[in-house]
Amino acid sequence: MFLLDSNILIYSAQHPYSFLRKYISEEQNSVSAISLIEVLGYWKLIPKDKTYFKACFELLEVLPVSDEVIAESVNLRSKYKMNTADAIIAATCNVYKSN
């Protein structure tokens, strides 16, 4: 199982990167809830792309930000000086044992 980063979803909407769409349609792949917020919450998102991304999130399991993910995020953020969103996404991957 792969935990897909927000950038994979964003790039997959662009024609030159359409090869990334296969990862979205693979049943065992997932995303962090933070990726959902980053992608669908983007203030310049146009309706066509919003429709595409909503469909992506319906195909992927959205993993929650649990207490364990928060604890791991704190550890990663302080150890590697990561920004908050990246620390939560990386922690989600660690906690749920994704690649």
PDB file of N, CA and C in Angstrom:
ATOM      1  N   MET A   1       0.847  -1.181   0.000  1.00  0.00           N
ATOM      2  CA  MET A   1       0.000   0.000   0.000  1.00  0.00           C
ATOM      3  C   MET A   1       0.883   1.231   0.000  1.00  0.00           C
ATOM      4  N   PHE A   2       0.471   2.233  -0.758  1.00  0.00           N
ATOM      5  CA  PHE A   2       1.183   3.504  -0.810  1.00  0.00           C
ATOM      6  C   PHE A   2       0.298   4.600  -0.240  1.00  0.00           C
ATOM      7  N   LEU A   3       0.915   5.481   0.525  1.00  0.00           N
ATOM      8  CA  LEU A   3       0.230   6.687   0.965  1.00  0.00           C
ATOM      9  C   LEU A   3       0.653   7.769  -0.030  1.00  0.00           C
ATOM     10  N   LEU A   4      -0.307   8.272  -0.786  1.00  0.00           N
ATOM     11  CA  LEU A   4      -0.012   9.248  -1.834  1.00  0.00           C
ATOM     12  C   LEU A   4       0.044  10.652  -1.266  1.00  0.00           C
ATOM     13  N   ASP A   5       1.070  11.371  -1.614  1.00  0.00           N
ATOM     14  CA  ASP A   5       1.216  12.757  -1.183  1.00  0.00           C
ATOM     15  C   ASP A   5       0.298  13.651  -2.020  1.00  0.00           C
ATOM     16  N   SER A   6      -0.001  14.804  -1.500  1.00  0.00           N
ATOM     17  CA  SER A   6      -0.861  15.772  -2.187  1.00  0.00           C
ATOM     18  C   SER A   6      -0.361  16.081  -3.593  1.00  0.00           C
ATOM     19  N   ASN A   7       0.949  16.192  -3.750  1.00  0.00           N
ATOM     20  CA  ASN A   7       1.512  16.527  -5.060  1.00  0.00           C
ATOM     21  C   ASN A   7       1.216  15.470  -6.114  1.00  0.00           C
ATOM     22  N   ILE A   8       1.158  14.207  -5.723  1.00  0.00           N
ATOM     23  CA  ILE A   8       0.832  13.143  -6.681  1.00  0.00           C
ATOM     24  C   ILE A   8      -0.576  13.375  -7.231  1.00  0.00           C
ATOM     25  N   LEU A   9      -1.506  13.707  -6.340  1.00  0.00           N
ATOM     26  CA  LEU A   9      -2.876  13.973  -6.782  1.00  0.00           C
ATOM     27  C   LEU A   9      -2.930  15.197  -7.694  1.00  0.00           C
ATOM     28  N   ILE A  10      -2.254  16.246  -7.295  1.00  0.00           N
ATOM     29  CA  ILE A  10      -2.279  17.491  -8.063  1.00  0.00           C
ATOM     30  C   ILE A  10      -1.679  17.281  -9.453  1.00  0.00           C
ATOM     31  N   TYR A  11      -0.538  16.641  -9.512  1.00  0.00           N
ATOM     32  CA  TYR A  11       0.094  16.393 -10.809  1.00  0.00           C
ATOM     33  C   TYR A  11      -0.737  15.448 -11.678  1.00  0.00           C
ATOM     34  N   SER A  12      -1.404  14.496 -11.062  1.00  0.00           N
ATOM     35  CA  SER A  12      -2.181  13.534 -11.848  1.00  0.00           C
ATOM     36  C   SER A  12      -3.300  14.200 -12.647  1.00  0.00           C
ATOM     37  N   ALA A  13      -3.713  15.377 -12.264  1.00  0.00           N
ATOM     38  CA  ALA A  13      -4.764  16.104 -12.980  1.00  0.00           C
ATOM     39  C   ALA A  13      -4.238  16.744 -14.257  1.00  0.00           C
ATOM     40  N   GLN A  14      -2.915  16.809 -14.398  1.00  0.00           N
ATOM     41  CA  GLN A  14      -2.295  17.438 -15.561  1.00  0.00           C
ATOM     42  C   GLN A  14      -1.943  16.370 -16.599  1.00  0.00           C
ATOM     43  N   HIS A  15      -2.253  16.656 -17.840  1.00  0.00           N
ATOM     44  CA  HIS A  15      -2.064  15.678 -18.919  1.00  0.00           C
ATOM     45  C   HIS A  15      -0.661  15.050 -18.966  1.00  0.00           C
ATOM     46  N   PRO A  16       0.420  15.837 -18.846  1.00  0.00           N
ATOM     47  CA  PRO A  16       1.748  15.211 -18.922  1.00  0.00           C
ATOM     48  C   PRO A  16       2.012  14.178 -17.817  1.00  0.00           C
ATOM     49  N   TYR A  17       1.247  14.243 -16.761  1.00  0.00           N
ATOM     50  CA  TYR A  17       1.451  13.342 -15.626  1.00  0.00           C
ATOM     51  C   TYR A  17       0.285  12.364 -15.450  1.00  0.00           C
ATOM     52  N   SER A  18      -0.467  12.153 -16.496  1.00  0.00           N
ATOM     53  CA  SER A  18      -1.635  11.276 -16.388  1.00  0.00           C
ATOM     54  C   SER A  18      -1.260   9.849 -16.000  1.00  0.00           C
ATOM     55  N   PHE A  19      -0.009   9.459 -16.205  1.00  0.00           N
ATOM     56  CA  PHE A  19       0.434   8.123 -15.805  1.00  0.00           C
ATOM     57  C   PHE A  19       0.314   7.905 -14.296  1.00  0.00           C
ATOM     58  N   LEU A  20       0.232   8.976 -13.514  1.00  0.00           N
ATOM     59  CA  LEU A  20       0.090   8.865 -12.060  1.00  0.00           C
ATOM     60  C   LEU A  20      -1.299   8.394 -11.648  1.00  0.00           C
ATOM     61  N   ARG A  21      -2.267   8.497 -12.539  1.00  0.00           N
ATOM     62  CA  ARG A  21      -3.649   8.137 -12.216  1.00  0.00           C
ATOM     63  C   ARG A  21      -3.806   6.677 -11.833  1.00  0.00           C
ATOM     64  N   LYS A  22      -2.918   5.828 -12.309  1.00  0.00           N
ATOM     65  CA  LYS A  22      -3.003   4.406 -11.959  1.00  0.00           C
ATOM     66  C   LYS A  22      -2.851   4.199 -10.451  1.00  0.00           C
ATOM     67  N   TYR A  23      -2.083   5.062  -9.788  1.00  0.00           N
ATOM     68  CA  TYR A  23      -1.896   4.926  -8.343  1.00  0.00           C
ATOM     69  C   TYR A  23      -3.159   5.320  -7.576  1.00  0.00           C
ATOM     70  N   ILE A  24      -3.916   6.222  -8.131  1.00  0.00           N
ATOM     71  CA  ILE A  24      -5.156   6.660  -7.488  1.00  0.00           C
ATOM     72  C   ILE A  24      -6.219   5.576  -7.589  1.00  0.00           C
ATOM     73  N   SER A  25      -6.204   4.849  -8.678  1.00  0.00           N
ATOM     74  CA  SER A  25      -7.231   3.825  -8.869  1.00  0.00           C
ATOM     75  C   SER A  25      -6.894   2.486  -8.209  1.00  0.00           C
ATOM     76  N   GLU A  26      -5.694   2.353  -7.653  1.00  0.00           N
ATOM     77  CA  GLU A  26      -5.335   1.112  -6.959  1.00  0.00           C
ATOM     78  C   GLU A  26      -5.982   1.097  -5.574  1.00  0.00           C
ATOM     79  N   GLU A  27      -6.780   0.088  -5.340  1.00  0.00           N
ATOM     80  CA  GLU A  27      -7.625   0.005  -4.149  1.00  0.00           C
ATOM     81  C   GLU A  27      -6.865   0.099  -2.831  1.00  0.00           C
ATOM     82  N   GLN A  28      -5.661  -0.426  -2.765  1.00  0.00           N
ATOM     83  CA  GLN A  28      -4.945  -0.470  -1.497  1.00  0.00           C
ATOM     84  C   GLN A  28      -4.247   0.850  -1.149  1.00  0.00           C
ATOM     85  N   ASN A  29      -4.220   1.814  -2.060  1.00  0.00           N
ATOM     86  CA  ASN A  29      -3.547   3.079  -1.790  1.00  0.00           C
ATOM     87  C   ASN A  29      -4.439   4.028  -0.997  1.00  0.00           C
ATOM     88  N   SER A  30      -3.796   4.963  -0.297  1.00  0.00           N
ATOM     89  CA  SER A  30      -4.529   5.860   0.589  1.00  0.00           C
ATOM     90  C   SER A  30      -3.883   7.244   0.593  1.00  0.00           C
ATOM     91  N   VAL A  31      -4.514   8.153   1.317  1.00  0.00           N
ATOM     92  CA  VAL A  31      -3.995   9.506   1.512  1.00  0.00           C
ATOM     93  C   VAL A  31      -4.248   9.910   2.955  1.00  0.00           C
ATOM     94  N   SER A  32      -3.488  10.867   3.411  1.00  0.00           N
ATOM     95  CA  SER A  32      -3.724  11.453   4.727  1.00  0.00           C
ATOM     96  C   SER A  32      -4.891  12.440   4.631  1.00  0.00           C
ATOM     97  N   ALA A  33      -5.599  12.596   5.716  1.00  0.00           N
ATOM     98  CA  ALA A  33      -6.667  13.603   5.760  1.00  0.00           C
ATOM     99  C   ALA A  33      -6.101  14.992   5.468  1.00  0.00           C
ATOM    100  N   ILE A  34      -4.838  15.201   5.784  1.00  0.00           N
ATOM    101  CA  ILE A  34      -4.194  16.485   5.506  1.00  0.00           C
ATOM    102  C   ILE A  34      -4.126  16.734   3.994  1.00  0.00           C
ATOM    103  N   SER A  35      -3.891  15.700   3.216  1.00  0.00           N
ATOM    104  CA  SER A  35      -3.862  15.868   1.761  1.00  0.00           C
ATOM    105  C   SER A  35      -5.219  16.300   1.232  1.00  0.00           C
ATOM    106  N   LEU A  36      -6.276  15.751   1.798  1.00  0.00           N
ATOM    107  CA  LEU A  36      -7.623  16.168   1.404  1.00  0.00           C
ATOM    108  C   LEU A  36      -7.801  17.663   1.670  1.00  0.00           C
ATOM    109  N   ILE A  37      -7.364  18.120   2.833  1.00  0.00           N
ATOM    110  CA  ILE A  37      -7.470  19.542   3.177  1.00  0.00           C
ATOM    111  C   ILE A  37      -6.621  20.390   2.241  1.00  0.00           C
ATOM    112  N   GLU A  38      -5.377  19.952   1.987  1.00  0.00           N
ATOM    113  CA  GLU A  38      -4.485  20.718   1.113  1.00  0.00           C
ATOM    114  C   GLU A  38      -5.044  20.839  -0.302  1.00  0.00           C
ATOM    115  N   VAL A  39      -5.544  19.747  -0.840  1.00  0.00           N
ATOM    116  CA  VAL A  39      -5.982  19.732  -2.242  1.00  0.00           C
ATOM    117  C   VAL A  39      -7.347  20.400  -2.410  1.00  0.00           C
ATOM    118  N   LEU A  40      -8.342  19.931  -1.676  1.00  0.00           N
ATOM    119  CA  LEU A  40      -9.691  20.500  -1.857  1.00  0.00           C
ATOM    120  C   LEU A  40      -9.835  21.887  -1.243  1.00  0.00           C
ATOM    121  N   GLY A  41      -8.948  22.245  -0.327  1.00  0.00           N
ATOM    122  CA  GLY A  41      -9.016  23.551   0.315  1.00  0.00           C
ATOM    123  C   GLY A  41      -8.234  24.640  -0.401  1.00  0.00           C
ATOM    124  N   TYR A  42      -7.584  24.286  -1.508  1.00  0.00           N
ATOM    125  CA  TYR A  42      -6.809  25.282  -2.245  1.00  0.00           C
ATOM    126  C   TYR A  42      -7.737  26.355  -2.785  1.00  0.00           C
ATOM    127  N   TRP A  43      -7.459  27.588  -2.459  1.00  0.00           N
ATOM    128  CA  TRP A  43      -8.384  28.683  -2.754  1.00  0.00           C
ATOM    129  C   TRP A  43      -8.500  29.016  -4.237  1.00  0.00           C
ATOM    130  N   LYS A  44      -7.549  28.595  -5.061  1.00  0.00           N
ATOM    131  CA  LYS A  44      -7.624  28.864  -6.503  1.00  0.00           C
ATOM    132  C   LYS A  44      -8.141  27.662  -7.297  1.00  0.00           C
ATOM    133  N   LEU A  45      -8.661  26.672  -6.616  1.00  0.00           N
ATOM    134  CA  LEU A  45      -9.124  25.455  -7.288  1.00  0.00           C
ATOM    135  C   LEU A  45     -10.319  25.763  -8.191  1.00  0.00           C
ATOM    136  N   ILE A  46     -10.201  25.368  -9.448  1.00  0.00           N
ATOM    137  CA  ILE A  46     -11.295  25.605 -10.396  1.00  0.00           C
ATOM    138  C   ILE A  46     -12.285  24.438 -10.320  1.00  0.00           C
ATOM    139  N   PRO A  47     -13.556  24.678 -10.662  1.00  0.00           N
ATOM    140  CA  PRO A  47     -14.588  23.646 -10.521  1.00  0.00           C
ATOM    141  C   PRO A  47     -14.254  22.313 -11.197  1.00  0.00           C
ATOM    142  N   LYS A  48     -13.673  22.353 -12.386  1.00  0.00           N
ATOM    143  CA  LYS A  48     -13.330  21.120 -13.104  1.00  0.00           C
ATOM    144  C   LYS A  48     -12.336  20.283 -12.292  1.00  0.00           C
ATOM    145  N   ASP A  49     -11.324  20.939 -11.754  1.00  0.00           N
ATOM    146  CA  ASP A  49     -10.321  20.224 -10.954  1.00  0.00           C
ATOM    147  C   ASP A  49     -10.905  19.748  -9.628  1.00  0.00           C
ATOM    148  N   LYS A  50     -11.778  20.553  -9.042  1.00  0.00           N
ATOM    149  CA  LYS A  50     -12.415  20.150  -7.785  1.00  0.00           C
ATOM    150  C   LYS A  50     -13.207  18.859  -7.985  1.00  0.00           C
ATOM    151  N   THR A  51     -13.917  18.764  -9.094  1.00  0.00           N
ATOM    152  CA  THR A  51     -14.671  17.546  -9.414  1.00  0.00           C
ATOM    153  C   THR A  51     -13.729  16.359  -9.553  1.00  0.00           C
ATOM    154  N   TYR A  52     -12.624  16.554 -10.256  1.00  0.00           N
ATOM    155  CA  TYR A  52     -11.634  15.486 -10.436  1.00  0.00           C
ATOM    156  C   TYR A  52     -11.078  15.030  -9.082  1.00  0.00           C
ATOM    157  N   PHE A  53     -10.679  15.983  -8.246  1.00  0.00           N
ATOM    158  CA  PHE A  53     -10.065  15.630  -6.961  1.00  0.00           C
ATOM    159  C   PHE A  53     -11.072  14.966  -6.012  1.00  0.00           C
ATOM    160  N   LYS A  54     -12.309  15.416  -6.037  1.00  0.00           N
ATOM    161  CA  LYS A  54     -13.330  14.754  -5.212  1.00  0.00           C
ATOM    162  C   LYS A  54     -13.475  13.291  -5.620  1.00  0.00           C
ATOM    163  N   ALA A  55     -13.434  13.033  -6.914  1.00  0.00           N
ATOM    164  CA  ALA A  55     -13.509  11.646  -7.400  1.00  0.00           C
ATOM    165  C   ALA A  55     -12.303  10.848  -6.931  1.00  0.00           C
ATOM    166  N   CYS A  56     -11.134  11.473  -6.923  1.00  0.00           N
ATOM    167  CA  CYS A  56      -9.926  10.800  -6.428  1.00  0.00           C
ATOM    168  C   CYS A  56     -10.103  10.395  -4.961  1.00  0.00           C
ATOM    169  N   PHE A  57     -10.598  11.311  -4.156  1.00  0.00           N
ATOM    170  CA  PHE A  57     -10.748  11.026  -2.728  1.00  0.00           C
ATOM    171  C   PHE A  57     -11.832   9.981  -2.455  1.00  0.00           C
ATOM    172  N   GLU A  58     -12.756   9.825  -3.382  1.00  0.00           N
ATOM    173  CA  GLU A  58     -13.746   8.759  -3.233  1.00  0.00           C
ATOM    174  C   GLU A  58     -13.124   7.386  -3.502  1.00  0.00           C
ATOM    175  N   LEU A  59     -12.091   7.337  -4.324  1.00  0.00           N
ATOM    176  CA  LEU A  59     -11.417   6.081  -4.642  1.00  0.00           C
ATOM    177  C   LEU A  59     -10.396   5.674  -3.582  1.00  0.00           C
ATOM    178  N   LEU A  60      -9.812   6.658  -2.923  1.00  0.00           N
ATOM    179  CA  LEU A  60      -8.734   6.403  -1.969  1.00  0.00           C
ATOM    180  C   LEU A  60      -9.250   6.381  -0.536  1.00  0.00           C
ATOM    181  N   GLU A  61      -8.636   5.564   0.284  1.00  0.00           N
ATOM    182  CA  GLU A  61      -8.949   5.595   1.712  1.00  0.00           C
ATOM    183  C   GLU A  61      -8.281   6.833   2.307  1.00  0.00           C
ATOM    184  N   VAL A  62      -9.046   7.636   3.024  1.00  0.00           N
ATOM    185  CA  VAL A  62      -8.511   8.818   3.683  1.00  0.00           C
ATOM    186  C   VAL A  62      -8.224   8.439   5.138  1.00  0.00           C
ATOM    187  N   LEU A  63      -6.939   8.432   5.487  1.00  0.00           N
ATOM    188  CA  LEU A  63      -6.523   8.009   6.829  1.00  0.00           C
ATOM    189  C   LEU A  63      -6.617   9.174   7.795  1.00  0.00           C
ATOM    190  N   PRO A  64      -7.189   8.945   8.972  1.00  0.00           N
ATOM    191  CA  PRO A  64      -7.408  10.032   9.928  1.00  0.00           C
ATOM    192  C   PRO A  64      -6.134  10.456  10.655  1.00  0.00           C
ATOM    193  N   VAL A  65      -6.191  11.652  11.198  1.00  0.00           N
ATOM    194  CA  VAL A  65      -5.110  12.165  12.036  1.00  0.00           C
ATOM    195  C   VAL A  65      -5.438  11.739  13.472  1.00  0.00           C
ATOM    196  N   SER A  66      -4.920  10.596  13.838  1.00  0.00           N
ATOM    197  CA  SER A  66      -5.181  10.018  15.160  1.00  0.00           C
ATOM    198  C   SER A  66      -4.213  10.587  16.195  1.00  0.00           C
ATOM    199  N   ASP A  67      -4.434  10.246  17.445  1.00  0.00           N
ATOM    200  CA  ASP A  67      -3.512  10.660  18.511  1.00  0.00           C
ATOM    201  C   ASP A  67      -2.103  10.133  18.246  1.00  0.00           C
ATOM    202  N   GLU A  68      -2.015   8.914  17.736  1.00  0.00           N
ATOM    203  CA  GLU A  68      -0.716   8.320  17.418  1.00  0.00           C
ATOM    204  C   GLU A  68      -0.028   9.086  16.282  1.00  0.00           C
ATOM    205  N   VAL A  69      -0.794   9.499  15.291  1.00  0.00           N
ATOM    206  CA  VAL A  69      -0.240  10.293  14.188  1.00  0.00           C
ATOM    207  C   VAL A  69       0.251  11.638  14.715  1.00  0.00           C
ATOM    208  N   ILE A  70      -0.503  12.249  15.599  1.00  0.00           N
ATOM    209  CA  ILE A  70      -0.087  13.537  16.178  1.00  0.00           C
ATOM    210  C   ILE A  70       1.222  13.383  16.942  1.00  0.00           C
ATOM    211  N   ALA A  71       1.336  12.353  17.762  1.00  0.00           N
ATOM    212  CA  ALA A  71       2.569  12.132  18.528  1.00  0.00           C
ATOM    213  C   ALA A  71       3.763  11.924  17.598  1.00  0.00           C
ATOM    214  N   GLU A  72       3.580  11.145  16.566  1.00  0.00           N
ATOM    215  CA  GLU A  72       4.656  10.910  15.599  1.00  0.00           C
ATOM    216  C   GLU A  72       4.975  12.185  14.830  1.00  0.00           C
ATOM    217  N   SER A  73       3.969  13.012  14.546  1.00  0.00           N
ATOM    218  CA  SER A  73       4.185  14.288  13.855  1.00  0.00           C
ATOM    219  C   SER A  73       5.071  15.210  14.672  1.00  0.00           C
ATOM    220  N   VAL A  74       4.808  15.269  15.966  1.00  0.00           N
ATOM    221  CA  VAL A  74       5.625  16.099  16.859  1.00  0.00           C
ATOM    222  C   VAL A  74       7.077  15.629  16.810  1.00  0.00           C
ATOM    223  N   ASN A  75       7.264  14.321  16.877  1.00  0.00           N
ATOM    224  CA  ASN A  75       8.607  13.752  16.831  1.00  0.00           C
ATOM    225  C   ASN A  75       9.310  14.105  15.517  1.00  0.00           C
ATOM    226  N   LEU A  76       8.644  13.891  14.388  1.00  0.00           N
ATOM    227  CA  LEU A  76       9.244  14.165  13.085  1.00  0.00           C
ATOM    228  C   LEU A  76       9.521  15.648  12.878  1.00  0.00           C
ATOM    229  N   ARG A  77       8.572  16.479  13.287  1.00  0.00           N
ATOM    230  CA  ARG A  77       8.708  17.923  13.084  1.00  0.00           C
ATOM    231  C   ARG A  77       9.896  18.470  13.858  1.00  0.00           C
ATOM    232  N   SER A  78      10.072  18.018  15.093  1.00  0.00           N
ATOM    233  CA  SER A  78      11.188  18.521  15.901  1.00  0.00           C
ATOM    234  C   SER A  78      12.524  17.923  15.454  1.00  0.00           C
ATOM    235  N   LYS A  79      12.509  16.667  15.050  1.00  0.00           N
ATOM    236  CA  LYS A  79      13.749  15.988  14.662  1.00  0.00           C
ATOM    237  C   LYS A  79      14.276  16.453  13.307  1.00  0.00           C
ATOM    238  N   TYR A  80      13.367  16.656  12.347  1.00  0.00           N
ATOM    239  CA  TYR A  80      13.776  16.981  10.980  1.00  0.00           C
ATOM    240  C   TYR A  80      13.416  18.392  10.531  1.00  0.00           C
ATOM    241  N   LYS A  81      12.882  19.203  11.442  1.00  0.00           N
ATOM    242  CA  LYS A  81      12.514  20.591  11.125  1.00  0.00           C
ATOM    243  C   LYS A  81      11.554  20.665   9.937  1.00  0.00           C
ATOM    244  N   MET A  82      10.568  19.778   9.910  1.00  0.00           N
ATOM    245  CA  MET A  82       9.590  19.716   8.831  1.00  0.00           C
ATOM    246  C   MET A  82       8.473  20.721   9.073  1.00  0.00           C
ATOM    247  N   ASN A  83       7.788  21.118   7.991  1.00  0.00           N
ATOM    248  CA  ASN A  83       6.596  21.936   8.214  1.00  0.00           C
ATOM    249  C   ASN A  83       5.486  21.022   8.756  1.00  0.00           C
ATOM    250  N   THR A  84       4.478  21.611   9.304  1.00  0.00           N
ATOM    251  CA  THR A  84       3.439  20.853  10.001  1.00  0.00           C
ATOM    252  C   THR A  84       2.721  19.853   9.095  1.00  0.00           C
ATOM    253  N   ALA A  85       2.273  20.300   7.932  1.00  0.00           N
ATOM    254  CA  ALA A  85       1.522  19.404   7.047  1.00  0.00           C
ATOM    255  C   ALA A  85       2.373  18.216   6.608  1.00  0.00           C
ATOM    256  N   ASP A  86       3.622  18.475   6.229  1.00  0.00           N
ATOM    257  CA  ASP A  86       4.496  17.375   5.804  1.00  0.00           C
ATOM    258  C   ASP A  86       4.774  16.411   6.952  1.00  0.00           C
ATOM    259  N   ALA A  87       4.922  16.937   8.154  1.00  0.00           N
ATOM    260  CA  ALA A  87       5.152  16.076   9.317  1.00  0.00           C
ATOM    261  C   ALA A  87       3.943  15.178   9.570  1.00  0.00           C
ATOM    262  N   ILE A  88       2.742  15.713   9.420  1.00  0.00           N
ATOM    263  CA  ILE A  88       1.531  14.912   9.638  1.00  0.00           C
ATOM    264  C   ILE A  88       1.400  13.844   8.550  1.00  0.00           C
ATOM    265  N   ILE A  89       1.678  14.206   7.318  1.00  0.00           N
ATOM    266  CA  ILE A  89       1.583  13.230   6.234  1.00  0.00           C
ATOM    267  C   ILE A  89       2.628  12.124   6.424  1.00  0.00           C
ATOM    268  N   ALA A  90       3.858  12.492   6.756  1.00  0.00           N
ATOM    269  CA  ALA A  90       4.902  11.486   6.988  1.00  0.00           C
ATOM    270  C   ALA A  90       4.555  10.616   8.195  1.00  0.00           C
ATOM    271  N   ALA A  91       4.025  11.220   9.243  1.00  0.00           N
ATOM    272  CA  ALA A  91       3.630  10.458  10.426  1.00  0.00           C
ATOM    273  C   ALA A  91       2.493   9.493  10.101  1.00  0.00           C
ATOM    274  N   THR A  92       1.557   9.925   9.282  1.00  0.00           N
ATOM    275  CA  THR A  92       0.467   9.046   8.851  1.00  0.00           C
ATOM    276  C   THR A  92       1.035   7.824   8.145  1.00  0.00           C
ATOM    277  N   CYS A  93       2.014   8.071   7.295  1.00  0.00           N
ATOM    278  CA  CYS A  93       2.672   6.966   6.585  1.00  0.00           C
ATOM    279  C   CYS A  93       3.340   6.014   7.576  1.00  0.00           C
ATOM    280  N   ASN A  94       4.056   6.566   8.536  1.00  0.00           N
ATOM    281  CA  ASN A  94       4.736   5.725   9.548  1.00  0.00           C
ATOM    282  C   ASN A  94       3.750   4.931  10.390  1.00  0.00           C
ATOM    283  N   VAL A  95       2.717   5.584  10.858  1.00  0.00           N
ATOM    284  CA  VAL A  95       1.755   4.936  11.756  1.00  0.00           C
ATOM    285  C   VAL A  95       0.981   3.842  11.042  1.00  0.00           C
ATOM    286  N   TYR A  96       0.577   4.099   9.816  1.00  0.00           N
ATOM    287  CA  TYR A  96      -0.227   3.127   9.071  1.00  0.00           C
ATOM    288  C   TYR A  96       0.629   2.177   8.243  1.00  0.00           C
ATOM    289  N   LYS A  97       1.949   2.286   8.368  1.00  0.00           N
ATOM    290  CA  LYS A  97       2.902   1.391   7.693  1.00  0.00           C
ATOM    291  C   LYS A  97       2.767   1.409   6.184  1.00  0.00           C
ATOM    292  N   SER A  98       2.596   2.597   5.624  1.00  0.00           N
ATOM    293  CA  SER A  98       2.523   2.761   4.174  1.00  0.00           C
ATOM    294  C   SER A  98       3.928   2.999   3.626  1.00  0.00           C
ATOM    295  N   ASN A  99       4.043   2.923   2.324  1.00  0.00           N
ATOM    296  CA  ASN A  99       5.326   3.229   1.669  1.00  0.00           C
ATOM    297  C   ASN A  99       5.363   4.679   1.266  1.00  0.00           C
TER     298      ASN A  99
END
